[in-house]
Amino acid sequence: MKPEFIGEKEKWVKVALLVSFLLFLINLLFLDIDFFKKAREATFTGPVIEGPQAELATPTPQPAEMDICPSSCLEAISEATSTGLTSATPTPKLSTPETTAKEFFISLGGGSTRAGDWEDMFGIEAYIDSSKYSHIKEVLFEAGMSIPNGNQKAHARLYNVTDGHMVWNSEVWLEGGTPQLLISGPITLSPGKKLYRVQMKTQIKDLAVLSQARIKITTN
């Protein structure tokens, strides 16, 4: 064989060996990478979160970490809460109707007299039916009187014309020259519809003026 051919053959053998060695190194490198990747996955037991969601991942607390308050603490809180709710419940109040008093005024009129004894003041009167006023609390006789000369005593009272008798406790009187509103003590109206008239008299038969007479009825 020629020396040139032998030299050329040895050259290709060296190239083949070099290529085989490079392929071996490359294969070995890939095997190492795969081995380390599997070893890393075996040691990391938690979930692998990639991308932007990795910043939001938080570990789930274990039951031992959440058990901050023992069972006795929870029972005390439950009892206190139920007690507070029970006491906060408003107690209903029973409403009682309020009774309002009503006043009725029955005008009788006015006049004057010089009589020395009881005289009927005709026209100073009114019919009153006591049955039309339910729950009567009080009845009063009121008379506005004056004595112009202020030199005597004058009297006024109610008279039940229908039954023919005076109304007990209705008499009022005035002495002196100052006009006054005179109010009797409580009186009683007879049952049913009756005619009530004013009677008057004076001490020395001088002028006495009755400016206004009325009956006041108060009911519950």
N, C-alpha and C. Protein backbone atom coordinates (compact mmCIF):
# COMPACT_ATOMS: atom_id res chain seq x y z
N MET A 1 0.86 -1.19 0.00
CA MET A 1 0.00 0.00 0.00
C MET A 1 0.89 1.23 0.00
N LYS A 2 0.33 2.23 -0.61
CA LYS A 2 1.09 3.46 -0.68
C LYS A 2 1.01 4.22 0.64
N PRO A 3 2.08 4.91 0.96
CA PRO A 3 2.07 5.67 2.21
C PRO A 3 0.98 6.72 2.23
N GLU A 4 0.53 7.32 1.11
CA GLU A 4 -0.49 8.35 1.09
C GLU A 4 -1.85 7.77 1.49
N PHE A 5 -2.13 6.56 1.03
CA PHE A 5 -3.43 5.93 1.34
C PHE A 5 -3.54 5.60 2.81
N ILE A 6 -2.39 5.10 3.41
CA ILE A 6 -2.40 4.77 4.83
C ILE A 6 -2.62 6.01 5.66
N GLY A 7 -1.98 7.10 5.29
CA GLY A 7 -2.15 8.36 6.05
C GLY A 7 -3.57 8.87 5.99
N GLU A 8 -4.19 8.72 4.83
CA GLU A 8 -5.58 9.19 4.66
C GLU A 8 -6.53 8.34 5.50
N LYS A 9 -6.33 7.06 5.61
CA LYS A 9 -7.20 6.17 6.37
C LYS A 9 -7.12 6.49 7.85
N GLU A 10 -5.89 6.72 8.34
CA GLU A 10 -5.73 7.04 9.74
C GLU A 10 -6.43 8.36 10.09
N LYS A 11 -6.43 9.26 9.17
CA LYS A 11 -7.09 10.57 9.38
C LYS A 11 -8.59 10.38 9.58
N TRP A 12 -9.24 9.54 8.77
CA TRP A 12 -10.69 9.32 8.90
C TRP A 12 -11.02 8.55 10.16
N VAL A 13 -10.13 7.67 10.56
CA VAL A 13 -10.36 6.94 11.81
C VAL A 13 -10.38 7.89 12.98
N LYS A 14 -9.44 8.83 12.99
CA LYS A 14 -9.38 9.83 14.08
C LYS A 14 -10.64 10.69 14.10
N VAL A 15 -11.14 11.06 12.91
CA VAL A 15 -12.35 11.88 12.83
C VAL A 15 -13.55 11.10 13.38
N ALA A 16 -13.66 9.84 13.03
CA ALA A 16 -14.77 9.02 13.50
C ALA A 16 -14.71 8.86 15.00
N LEU A 17 -13.51 8.64 15.51
CA LEU A 17 -13.40 8.52 16.97
C LEU A 17 -13.79 9.80 17.67
N LEU A 18 -13.39 10.94 17.09
CA LEU A 18 -13.71 12.23 17.70
C LEU A 18 -15.22 12.48 17.70
N VAL A 19 -15.87 12.12 16.57
CA VAL A 19 -17.33 12.30 16.47
C VAL A 19 -18.03 11.39 17.47
N SER A 20 -17.56 10.15 17.61
CA SER A 20 -18.18 9.22 18.57
C SER A 20 -18.04 9.73 19.98
N PHE A 21 -16.85 10.31 20.28
CA PHE A 21 -16.64 10.84 21.63
C PHE A 21 -17.56 12.01 21.93
N LEU A 22 -17.74 12.87 20.93
CA LEU A 22 -18.63 14.03 21.11
C LEU A 22 -20.08 13.57 21.32
N LEU A 23 -20.52 12.59 20.56
CA LEU A 23 -21.87 12.07 20.73
C LEU A 23 -22.04 11.46 22.11
N PHE A 24 -20.98 10.77 22.58
CA PHE A 24 -21.05 10.19 23.92
C PHE A 24 -21.20 11.27 24.99
N LEU A 25 -20.44 12.36 24.85
CA LEU A 25 -20.51 13.45 25.83
C LEU A 25 -21.91 14.10 25.83
N ILE A 26 -22.43 14.28 24.62
CA ILE A 26 -23.76 14.90 24.53
C ILE A 26 -24.81 14.01 25.19
N ASN A 27 -24.77 12.74 24.93
CA ASN A 27 -25.71 11.80 25.52
C ASN A 27 -25.58 11.78 27.03
N LEU A 28 -24.34 11.81 27.52
CA LEU A 28 -24.10 11.81 28.96
C LEU A 28 -24.67 13.08 29.61
N LEU A 29 -24.52 14.21 28.91
CA LEU A 29 -25.05 15.48 29.44
C LEU A 29 -26.57 15.43 29.59
N PHE A 30 -27.29 14.92 28.60
CA PHE A 30 -28.75 14.80 28.68
C PHE A 30 -29.18 13.85 29.80
N LEU A 31 -28.43 12.75 29.98
CA LEU A 31 -28.74 11.82 31.05
C LEU A 31 -28.59 12.47 32.42
N ASP A 32 -27.53 13.30 32.57
CA ASP A 32 -27.34 14.00 33.85
C ASP A 32 -28.48 14.98 34.13
N ILE A 33 -28.89 15.72 33.09
CA ILE A 33 -29.97 16.71 33.27
C ILE A 33 -31.27 16.01 33.69
N ASP A 34 -31.63 14.93 33.04
CA ASP A 34 -32.85 14.20 33.37
C ASP A 34 -32.80 13.62 34.77
N PHE A 35 -31.60 13.14 35.17
CA PHE A 35 -31.44 12.56 36.50
C PHE A 35 -31.65 13.60 37.59
N PHE A 36 -31.04 14.77 37.45
CA PHE A 36 -31.17 15.83 38.46
C PHE A 36 -32.60 16.39 38.52
N LYS A 37 -33.27 16.42 37.39
CA LYS A 37 -34.66 16.92 37.37
C LYS A 37 -35.58 16.00 38.17
N LYS A 38 -35.41 14.66 37.96
CA LYS A 38 -36.24 13.71 38.70
C LYS A 38 -35.92 13.72 40.19
N ALA A 39 -34.63 13.86 40.50
CA ALA A 39 -34.25 13.91 41.92
C ALA A 39 -34.83 15.14 42.60
N ARG A 40 -34.87 16.27 41.92
CA ARG A 40 -35.44 17.51 42.48
C ARG A 40 -36.94 17.38 42.70
N GLU A 41 -37.68 16.75 41.74
CA GLU A 41 -39.12 16.57 41.90
C GLU A 41 -39.43 15.61 43.05
N ALA A 42 -38.55 14.62 43.27
CA ALA A 42 -38.80 13.67 44.35
C ALA A 42 -38.64 14.32 45.71
N THR A 43 -37.74 15.29 45.87
CA THR A 43 -37.53 15.94 47.17
C THR A 43 -38.55 17.03 47.45
N PHE A 44 -39.18 17.64 46.46
CA PHE A 44 -40.17 18.71 46.66
C PHE A 44 -41.59 18.13 46.59
N THR A 45 -42.25 17.99 47.76
CA THR A 45 -43.56 17.35 47.83
C THR A 45 -44.70 18.32 47.59
N GLY A 46 -44.51 19.60 47.75
CA GLY A 46 -45.59 20.58 47.58
C GLY A 46 -45.90 20.80 46.13
N PRO A 47 -47.04 21.43 45.85
CA PRO A 47 -47.45 21.69 44.47
C PRO A 47 -46.55 22.75 43.85
N VAL A 48 -46.26 22.55 42.60
CA VAL A 48 -45.43 23.49 41.84
C VAL A 48 -46.34 24.47 41.14
N ILE A 49 -46.20 25.76 41.48
CA ILE A 49 -47.04 26.80 40.88
C ILE A 49 -46.15 27.68 40.06
N GLU A 50 -46.42 27.77 38.81
CA GLU A 50 -45.61 28.55 37.89
C GLU A 50 -46.38 29.77 37.44
N GLY A 51 -45.62 30.75 37.02
CA GLY A 51 -46.24 31.94 36.45
C GLY A 51 -46.69 32.92 37.53
N PRO A 52 -47.56 33.87 37.19
CA PRO A 52 -48.00 34.92 38.12
C PRO A 52 -48.73 34.40 39.33
N GLN A 53 -49.40 33.21 39.25
CA GLN A 53 -50.16 32.68 40.37
C GLN A 53 -49.27 32.25 41.52
N ALA A 54 -47.97 32.08 41.28
CA ALA A 54 -47.07 31.64 42.34
C ALA A 54 -47.01 32.65 43.46
N GLU A 55 -47.22 33.97 43.17
CA GLU A 55 -47.17 34.99 44.21
C GLU A 55 -48.40 34.95 45.10
N LEU A 56 -49.54 34.43 44.60
CA LEU A 56 -50.79 34.41 45.35
C LEU A 56 -50.97 33.15 46.18
N ALA A 57 -50.14 32.15 45.99
CA ALA A 57 -50.32 30.87 46.69
C ALA A 57 -49.94 31.03 48.15
N THR A 58 -50.83 30.60 49.04
CA THR A 58 -50.58 30.63 50.48
C THR A 58 -50.84 29.25 51.04
N PRO A 59 -50.05 28.84 51.98
CA PRO A 59 -50.24 27.48 52.55
C PRO A 59 -51.53 27.41 53.33
N THR A 60 -52.22 26.29 53.22
CA THR A 60 -53.49 26.07 53.95
C THR A 60 -53.19 25.78 55.41
N PRO A 61 -53.80 26.54 56.34
CA PRO A 61 -53.51 26.28 57.77
C PRO A 61 -54.00 24.91 58.19
N GLN A 62 -53.22 24.27 59.00
CA GLN A 62 -53.56 22.95 59.51
C GLN A 62 -54.49 23.08 60.71
N PRO A 63 -55.28 22.09 61.03
CA PRO A 63 -56.21 22.16 62.17
C PRO A 63 -55.54 22.56 63.46
N ALA A 64 -54.30 22.15 63.67
CA ALA A 64 -53.61 22.49 64.92
C ALA A 64 -53.37 23.98 65.02
N GLU A 65 -53.14 24.66 63.86
CA GLU A 65 -52.90 26.10 63.87
C GLU A 65 -54.19 26.87 64.10
N MET A 66 -55.31 26.38 63.67
CA MET A 66 -56.60 27.08 63.79
C MET A 66 -57.22 26.91 65.16
N ASP A 67 -56.84 25.95 65.91
CA ASP A 67 -57.45 25.68 67.21
C ASP A 67 -56.85 26.62 68.25
N ILE A 68 -57.16 27.95 68.12
CA ILE A 68 -56.62 28.94 69.04
C ILE A 68 -57.43 28.95 70.33
N CYS A 69 -58.80 28.86 70.20
CA CYS A 69 -59.68 28.90 71.37
C CYS A 69 -60.14 27.48 71.70
N PRO A 70 -59.89 26.98 72.89
CA PRO A 70 -60.33 25.62 73.25
C PRO A 70 -61.84 25.53 73.35
N SER A 71 -62.34 24.33 73.58
CA SER A 71 -63.79 24.11 73.62
C SER A 71 -64.44 24.87 74.76
N SER A 72 -63.77 24.98 75.92
CA SER A 72 -64.34 25.73 77.05
C SER A 72 -64.50 27.20 76.71
N CYS A 73 -63.54 27.74 75.95
CA CYS A 73 -63.64 29.14 75.52
C CYS A 73 -64.82 29.34 74.59
N LEU A 74 -65.02 28.41 73.63
CA LEU A 74 -66.14 28.51 72.71
C LEU A 74 -67.48 28.43 73.43
N GLU A 75 -67.59 27.56 74.47
CA GLU A 75 -68.84 27.45 75.22
C GLU A 75 -69.14 28.74 75.97
N ALA A 76 -68.11 29.38 76.53
CA ALA A 76 -68.31 30.65 77.25
C ALA A 76 -68.78 31.74 76.31
N ILE A 77 -68.19 31.79 75.10
CA ILE A 77 -68.61 32.80 74.12
C ILE A 77 -70.04 32.57 73.69
N SER A 78 -70.42 31.30 73.46
CA SER A 78 -71.79 30.98 73.05
C SER A 78 -72.79 31.36 74.11
N GLU A 79 -72.46 31.10 75.39
CA GLU A 79 -73.38 31.42 76.49
C GLU A 79 -73.55 32.92 76.62
N ALA A 80 -72.44 33.67 76.53
CA ALA A 80 -72.52 35.13 76.65
C ALA A 80 -73.31 35.73 75.52
N THR A 81 -73.13 35.19 74.30
CA THR A 81 -73.86 35.72 73.15
C THR A 81 -75.35 35.48 73.27
N SER A 82 -75.73 34.26 73.67
CA SER A 82 -77.16 33.95 73.80
C SER A 82 -77.79 34.77 74.90
N THR A 83 -77.08 35.01 76.01
CA THR A 83 -77.61 35.82 77.11
C THR A 83 -77.83 37.25 76.67
N GLY A 84 -76.87 37.80 75.90
CA GLY A 84 -77.01 39.17 75.43
C GLY A 84 -78.19 39.33 74.50
N LEU A 85 -78.39 38.32 73.62
CA LEU A 85 -79.52 38.42 72.70
C LEU A 85 -80.84 38.33 73.43
N THR A 86 -80.90 37.50 74.47
CA THR A 86 -82.15 37.35 75.22
C THR A 86 -82.51 38.63 75.95
N SER A 87 -81.50 39.26 76.59
CA SER A 87 -81.78 40.48 77.35
C SER A 87 -82.11 41.65 76.45
N ALA A 88 -81.62 41.60 75.19
CA ALA A 88 -81.88 42.72 74.29
C ALA A 88 -83.28 42.68 73.70
N THR A 89 -84.02 41.59 73.87
CA THR A 89 -85.35 41.49 73.31
C THR A 89 -86.31 42.41 74.06
N PRO A 90 -86.94 43.37 73.38
CA PRO A 90 -87.82 44.31 74.09
C PRO A 90 -89.07 43.63 74.61
N THR A 91 -89.49 44.03 75.81
CA THR A 91 -90.70 43.48 76.41
C THR A 91 -91.90 44.30 75.94
N PRO A 92 -92.87 43.67 75.31
CA PRO A 92 -94.02 44.45 74.82
C PRO A 92 -94.80 45.05 75.97
N LYS A 93 -95.22 46.29 75.78
CA LYS A 93 -95.99 47.00 76.79
C LYS A 93 -97.45 47.06 76.37
N LEU A 94 -98.30 46.80 77.33
CA LEU A 94 -99.73 46.86 77.08
C LEU A 94 -100.19 48.31 77.13
N SER A 95 -100.76 48.76 76.05
CA SER A 95 -101.22 50.14 76.00
C SER A 95 -102.61 50.24 76.62
N THR A 96 -102.74 51.22 77.49
CA THR A 96 -104.03 51.47 78.14
C THR A 96 -104.60 52.78 77.62
N PRO A 97 -105.83 52.78 77.21
CA PRO A 97 -106.41 54.01 76.67
C PRO A 97 -106.50 55.10 77.74
N GLU A 98 -106.12 56.31 77.37
CA GLU A 98 -106.18 57.42 78.29
C GLU A 98 -107.57 58.05 78.24
N THR A 99 -108.11 58.29 79.42
CA THR A 99 -109.43 58.90 79.51
C THR A 99 -109.26 60.41 79.60
N THR A 100 -109.88 61.13 78.70
CA THR A 100 -109.79 62.58 78.67
C THR A 100 -111.12 63.16 79.12
N ALA A 101 -111.07 64.05 80.11
CA ALA A 101 -112.29 64.69 80.62
C ALA A 101 -112.82 65.69 79.59
N LYS A 102 -114.14 65.76 79.49
CA LYS A 102 -114.79 66.70 78.59
C LYS A 102 -115.68 67.64 79.40
N GLU A 103 -115.69 68.90 78.97
CA GLU A 103 -116.49 69.92 79.66
C GLU A 103 -117.57 70.46 78.73
N PHE A 104 -118.77 70.59 79.27
CA PHE A 104 -119.91 71.12 78.52
C PHE A 104 -120.48 72.31 79.31
N PHE A 105 -120.71 73.43 78.60
CA PHE A 105 -121.27 74.63 79.23
C PHE A 105 -122.66 74.89 78.63
N ILE A 106 -123.65 74.99 79.52
CA ILE A 106 -125.03 75.25 79.09
C ILE A 106 -125.39 76.66 79.57
N SER A 107 -125.51 77.56 78.61
CA SER A 107 -125.78 78.97 78.94
C SER A 107 -127.26 79.15 79.31
N LEU A 108 -127.47 79.93 80.39
CA LEU A 108 -128.84 80.21 80.86
C LEU A 108 -129.27 81.65 80.56
N GLY A 109 -128.30 82.55 80.44
CA GLY A 109 -128.64 83.95 80.14
C GLY A 109 -128.30 84.88 81.29
N GLY A 110 -128.80 86.15 81.21
CA GLY A 110 -128.51 87.15 82.23
C GLY A 110 -129.69 88.08 82.46
N GLY A 111 -129.64 88.87 83.56
CA GLY A 111 -130.73 89.80 83.88
C GLY A 111 -130.39 90.57 85.14
N SER A 112 -131.39 91.17 85.78
CA SER A 112 -131.20 91.96 87.00
C SER A 112 -132.47 91.89 87.85
N THR A 113 -132.34 92.25 89.15
CA THR A 113 -133.50 92.22 90.05
C THR A 113 -133.29 93.18 91.21
N ARG A 114 -134.42 93.55 91.87
CA ARG A 114 -134.42 94.32 93.11
C ARG A 114 -135.27 93.59 94.17
N ALA A 115 -135.60 92.35 93.89
CA ALA A 115 -136.48 91.59 94.78
C ALA A 115 -135.80 91.34 96.11
N GLY A 116 -136.64 91.43 97.21
CA GLY A 116 -136.11 91.17 98.54
C GLY A 116 -136.22 89.71 98.92
N ASP A 117 -136.93 88.88 98.13
CA ASP A 117 -137.03 87.44 98.39
C ASP A 117 -136.80 86.72 97.07
N TRP A 118 -136.73 85.38 97.14
CA TRP A 118 -136.41 84.61 95.93
C TRP A 118 -137.44 84.89 94.83
N GLU A 119 -136.91 85.26 93.68
CA GLU A 119 -137.75 85.62 92.54
C GLU A 119 -137.30 84.79 91.33
N ASP A 120 -138.28 84.22 90.61
CA ASP A 120 -137.96 83.50 89.37
C ASP A 120 -137.50 84.49 88.31
N MET A 121 -136.31 84.20 87.72
CA MET A 121 -135.79 85.02 86.63
C MET A 121 -136.22 84.37 85.32
N PHE A 122 -137.45 84.71 84.87
CA PHE A 122 -138.00 84.09 83.66
C PHE A 122 -137.13 84.42 82.44
N GLY A 123 -136.91 83.40 81.68
CA GLY A 123 -136.04 83.53 80.50
C GLY A 123 -134.59 83.16 80.77
N ILE A 124 -134.17 83.21 82.04
CA ILE A 124 -132.80 82.77 82.39
C ILE A 124 -132.90 81.30 82.80
N GLU A 125 -133.05 80.44 81.82
CA GLU A 125 -133.38 79.04 82.07
C GLU A 125 -133.00 78.18 80.87
N ALA A 126 -133.05 76.84 81.07
CA ALA A 126 -132.74 75.91 79.98
C ALA A 126 -133.20 74.52 80.36
N TYR A 127 -133.60 73.74 79.33
CA TYR A 127 -133.92 72.33 79.53
C TYR A 127 -132.62 71.52 79.46
N ILE A 128 -132.45 70.61 80.40
CA ILE A 128 -131.26 69.75 80.42
C ILE A 128 -131.72 68.32 80.64
N ASP A 129 -131.27 67.43 79.74
CA ASP A 129 -131.55 66.00 79.87
C ASP A 129 -130.26 65.32 80.33
N SER A 130 -130.20 64.95 81.60
CA SER A 130 -128.97 64.38 82.16
C SER A 130 -128.61 63.04 81.54
N SER A 131 -129.59 62.33 80.95
CA SER A 131 -129.31 61.02 80.36
C SER A 131 -128.44 61.13 79.10
N LYS A 132 -128.33 62.31 78.53
CA LYS A 132 -127.53 62.50 77.32
C LYS A 132 -126.05 62.70 77.63
N TYR A 133 -125.71 62.79 78.91
CA TYR A 133 -124.31 62.98 79.31
C TYR A 133 -123.85 61.72 80.07
N SER A 134 -123.06 60.91 79.40
CA SER A 134 -122.60 59.64 80.01
C SER A 134 -121.39 59.91 80.91
N HIS A 135 -121.32 59.16 82.01
CA HIS A 135 -120.21 59.24 82.95
C HIS A 135 -119.99 60.67 83.45
N ILE A 136 -121.03 61.26 84.01
CA ILE A 136 -120.91 62.62 84.56
C ILE A 136 -120.01 62.58 85.79
N LYS A 137 -118.98 63.42 85.77
CA LYS A 137 -118.05 63.50 86.90
C LYS A 137 -118.44 64.60 87.87
N GLU A 138 -118.84 65.77 87.33
CA GLU A 138 -119.16 66.90 88.20
C GLU A 138 -120.07 67.87 87.46
N VAL A 139 -120.98 68.51 88.22
CA VAL A 139 -121.87 69.55 87.69
C VAL A 139 -121.78 70.76 88.62
N LEU A 140 -121.58 71.96 88.03
CA LEU A 140 -121.45 73.20 88.80
C LEU A 140 -122.38 74.27 88.23
N PHE A 141 -122.82 75.18 89.11
CA PHE A 141 -123.59 76.36 88.70
C PHE A 141 -122.66 77.57 88.80
N GLU A 142 -122.52 78.32 87.69
CA GLU A 142 -121.65 79.49 87.65
C GLU A 142 -122.48 80.73 87.32
N ALA A 143 -122.20 81.84 88.05
CA ALA A 143 -122.96 83.09 87.86
C ALA A 143 -122.02 84.28 87.95
N GLY A 144 -122.03 85.12 86.92
CA GLY A 144 -121.29 86.37 86.94
C GLY A 144 -122.21 87.47 87.47
N MET A 145 -121.90 88.02 88.66
CA MET A 145 -122.80 88.97 89.32
C MET A 145 -122.06 90.26 89.70
N SER A 146 -122.85 91.33 89.84
CA SER A 146 -122.30 92.60 90.31
C SER A 146 -123.40 93.39 91.03
N ILE A 147 -123.00 94.26 91.97
CA ILE A 147 -123.91 95.17 92.69
C ILE A 147 -123.44 96.58 92.38
N PRO A 148 -124.12 97.29 91.50
CA PRO A 148 -123.63 98.60 91.06
C PRO A 148 -123.33 99.57 92.20
N ASN A 149 -124.17 99.63 93.23
CA ASN A 149 -123.97 100.57 94.34
C ASN A 149 -123.07 99.98 95.43
N GLY A 150 -122.81 98.70 95.39
CA GLY A 150 -121.92 98.05 96.34
C GLY A 150 -122.37 98.18 97.77
N ASN A 151 -123.69 98.21 98.00
CA ASN A 151 -124.22 98.50 99.33
C ASN A 151 -125.02 97.36 99.93
N GLN A 152 -124.92 96.17 99.36
CA GLN A 152 -125.75 95.09 99.86
C GLN A 152 -125.16 93.74 99.49
N LYS A 153 -125.94 92.72 99.80
CA LYS A 153 -125.57 91.34 99.47
C LYS A 153 -126.64 90.77 98.56
N ALA A 154 -126.23 90.11 97.46
CA ALA A 154 -127.18 89.54 96.50
C ALA A 154 -126.92 88.05 96.36
N HIS A 155 -128.02 87.29 96.11
CA HIS A 155 -127.94 85.83 96.03
C HIS A 155 -128.51 85.34 94.69
N ALA A 156 -128.04 84.16 94.26
CA ALA A 156 -128.59 83.48 93.07
C ALA A 156 -128.53 81.99 93.30
N ARG A 157 -129.48 81.25 92.67
CA ARG A 157 -129.50 79.80 92.80
C ARG A 157 -130.26 79.20 91.62
N LEU A 158 -130.19 77.86 91.50
CA LEU A 158 -130.93 77.13 90.47
C LEU A 158 -132.22 76.56 91.07
N TYR A 159 -133.24 76.53 90.19
CA TYR A 159 -134.53 75.98 90.62
C TYR A 159 -135.00 74.99 89.57
N ASN A 160 -135.39 73.79 90.03
CA ASN A 160 -135.91 72.75 89.15
C ASN A 160 -137.41 73.01 88.96
N VAL A 161 -137.76 73.66 87.86
CA VAL A 161 -139.15 74.05 87.60
C VAL A 161 -140.01 72.81 87.37
N THR A 162 -139.48 71.81 86.68
CA THR A 162 -140.25 70.61 86.35
C THR A 162 -140.70 69.88 87.61
N ASP A 163 -139.80 69.72 88.58
CA ASP A 163 -140.12 68.97 89.80
C ASP A 163 -140.55 69.90 90.94
N GLY A 164 -140.37 71.22 90.78
CA GLY A 164 -140.83 72.17 91.78
C GLY A 164 -140.00 72.24 93.04
N HIS A 165 -138.66 72.24 92.92
CA HIS A 165 -137.81 72.39 94.10
C HIS A 165 -136.48 73.02 93.70
N MET A 166 -135.83 73.65 94.67
CA MET A 166 -134.52 74.22 94.42
C MET A 166 -133.48 73.11 94.23
N VAL A 167 -132.41 73.44 93.56
CA VAL A 167 -131.31 72.47 93.38
C VAL A 167 -130.36 72.65 94.55
N TRP A 168 -130.24 71.59 95.32
CA TRP A 168 -129.44 71.66 96.55
C TRP A 168 -127.98 72.00 96.25
N ASN A 169 -127.39 72.87 97.05
CA ASN A 169 -125.98 73.28 97.00
C ASN A 169 -125.68 74.20 95.82
N SER A 170 -126.69 74.76 95.16
CA SER A 170 -126.46 75.62 94.00
C SER A 170 -126.38 77.11 94.36
N GLU A 171 -126.68 77.49 95.59
CA GLU A 171 -126.75 78.91 95.94
C GLU A 171 -125.36 79.55 96.00
N VAL A 172 -125.27 80.79 95.43
CA VAL A 172 -124.05 81.61 95.48
C VAL A 172 -124.47 83.02 95.89
N TRP A 173 -123.52 83.84 96.40
CA TRP A 173 -123.84 85.21 96.78
C TRP A 173 -122.63 86.12 96.61
N LEU A 174 -122.95 87.42 96.52
CA LEU A 174 -121.92 88.44 96.31
C LEU A 174 -122.21 89.61 97.24
N GLU A 175 -121.14 90.19 97.80
CA GLU A 175 -121.26 91.36 98.67
C GLU A 175 -120.22 92.39 98.25
N GLY A 176 -120.64 93.65 98.10
CA GLY A 176 -119.71 94.69 97.67
C GLY A 176 -119.92 95.05 96.22
N GLY A 177 -119.07 95.97 95.70
CA GLY A 177 -119.27 96.51 94.36
C GLY A 177 -118.39 95.90 93.28
N THR A 178 -117.56 94.92 93.61
CA THR A 178 -116.67 94.33 92.60
C THR A 178 -117.34 93.15 91.91
N PRO A 179 -117.51 93.21 90.57
CA PRO A 179 -118.11 92.07 89.84
C PRO A 179 -117.25 90.82 90.02
N GLN A 180 -117.90 89.68 90.14
CA GLN A 180 -117.19 88.42 90.33
C GLN A 180 -117.91 87.29 89.61
N LEU A 181 -117.11 86.25 89.28
CA LEU A 181 -117.68 84.99 88.78
C LEU A 181 -117.82 84.07 89.98
N LEU A 182 -119.05 83.74 90.33
CA LEU A 182 -119.34 82.91 91.50
C LEU A 182 -119.57 81.47 91.04
N ILE A 183 -118.98 80.51 91.75
CA ILE A 183 -119.08 79.09 91.40
C ILE A 183 -119.62 78.33 92.60
N SER A 184 -120.67 77.57 92.38
CA SER A 184 -121.29 76.80 93.46
C SER A 184 -120.48 75.56 93.78
N GLY A 185 -120.91 74.84 94.81
CA GLY A 185 -120.35 73.52 95.07
C GLY A 185 -120.95 72.51 94.09
N PRO A 186 -120.50 71.28 94.09
CA PRO A 186 -121.05 70.26 93.19
C PRO A 186 -122.55 70.09 93.40
N ILE A 187 -123.30 70.04 92.30
CA ILE A 187 -124.74 69.85 92.35
C ILE A 187 -125.11 68.57 91.61
N THR A 188 -126.34 68.15 91.79
CA THR A 188 -126.82 66.93 91.15
C THR A 188 -128.01 67.25 90.26
N LEU A 189 -127.94 66.81 89.00
CA LEU A 189 -129.06 66.98 88.07
C LEU A 189 -130.04 65.82 88.26
N SER A 190 -131.31 66.13 88.25
CA SER A 190 -132.33 65.09 88.37
C SER A 190 -132.37 64.25 87.10
N PRO A 191 -132.70 62.97 87.22
CA PRO A 191 -132.77 62.10 86.04
C PRO A 191 -133.81 62.60 85.03
N GLY A 192 -133.46 62.46 83.74
CA GLY A 192 -134.39 62.84 82.69
C GLY A 192 -134.28 64.30 82.29
N LYS A 193 -135.22 64.73 81.46
CA LYS A 193 -135.24 66.09 80.93
C LYS A 193 -136.00 67.01 81.89
N LYS A 194 -135.29 68.05 82.39
CA LYS A 194 -135.86 68.97 83.36
C LYS A 194 -135.59 70.41 82.93
N LEU A 195 -136.49 71.32 83.40
CA LEU A 195 -136.30 72.75 83.15
C LEU A 195 -135.66 73.38 84.39
N TYR A 196 -134.47 73.98 84.18
CA TYR A 196 -133.75 74.62 85.28
C TYR A 196 -133.75 76.14 85.05
N ARG A 197 -134.17 76.88 86.11
CA ARG A 197 -134.31 78.34 86.03
C ARG A 197 -133.53 78.98 87.17
N VAL A 198 -133.04 80.22 86.94
CA VAL A 198 -132.31 80.96 87.97
C VAL A 198 -133.29 81.73 88.83
N GLN A 199 -133.04 81.71 90.13
CA GLN A 199 -133.77 82.56 91.09
C GLN A 199 -132.77 83.51 91.76
N MET A 200 -133.24 84.74 92.09
CA MET A 200 -132.36 85.73 92.72
C MET A 200 -133.12 86.47 93.83
N LYS A 201 -132.33 87.07 94.75
CA LYS A 201 -132.88 87.96 95.78
C LYS A 201 -131.78 88.92 96.23
N THR A 202 -132.18 90.07 96.82
CA THR A 202 -131.23 91.07 97.30
C THR A 202 -131.45 91.32 98.78
N GLN A 203 -130.47 91.96 99.42
CA GLN A 203 -130.53 92.21 100.87
C GLN A 203 -131.41 93.41 101.21
N ILE A 204 -131.26 94.52 100.48
CA ILE A 204 -132.03 95.74 100.78
C ILE A 204 -132.86 96.20 99.59
N LYS A 205 -133.14 95.29 98.67
CA LYS A 205 -133.95 95.56 97.49
C LYS A 205 -133.35 96.64 96.57
N ASP A 206 -132.02 96.69 96.57
CA ASP A 206 -131.33 97.56 95.62
C ASP A 206 -130.92 96.71 94.41
N LEU A 207 -130.45 97.36 93.36
CA LEU A 207 -130.19 96.68 92.10
C LEU A 207 -129.04 95.67 92.22
N ALA A 208 -129.29 94.45 91.70
CA ALA A 208 -128.26 93.41 91.55
C ALA A 208 -128.31 92.91 90.11
N VAL A 209 -127.16 92.77 89.49
CA VAL A 209 -127.08 92.41 88.06
C VAL A 209 -126.46 91.02 87.91
N LEU A 210 -127.14 90.20 87.11
CA LEU A 210 -126.62 88.88 86.73
C LEU A 210 -126.19 88.96 85.26
N SER A 211 -124.89 89.09 85.03
CA SER A 211 -124.40 89.27 83.66
C SER A 211 -124.47 87.97 82.85
N GLN A 212 -124.18 86.86 83.48
CA GLN A 212 -124.21 85.58 82.77
C GLN A 212 -124.34 84.45 83.77
N ALA A 213 -125.25 83.51 83.50
CA ALA A 213 -125.41 82.31 84.32
C ALA A 213 -125.29 81.09 83.40
N ARG A 214 -124.64 80.05 83.90
CA ARG A 214 -124.46 78.83 83.08
C ARG A 214 -124.27 77.63 83.99
N ILE A 215 -124.46 76.44 83.39
CA ILE A 215 -124.23 75.17 84.09
C ILE A 215 -123.05 74.47 83.40
N LYS A 216 -122.06 74.05 84.19
CA LYS A 216 -120.88 73.37 83.66
C LYS A 216 -120.96 71.88 84.03
N ILE A 217 -120.91 71.05 82.98
CA ILE A 217 -120.95 69.59 83.18
C ILE A 217 -119.62 69.00 82.73
N THR A 218 -118.97 68.25 83.62
CA THR A 218 -117.70 67.59 83.30
C THR A 218 -117.92 66.08 83.29
N THR A 219 -117.48 65.44 82.20
CA THR A 219 -117.64 63.97 82.08
C THR A 219 -116.27 63.34 81.94
N ASN A 220 -116.20 62.04 82.26
CA ASN A 220 -114.95 61.29 82.11
C ASN A 220 -114.77 60.82 80.67
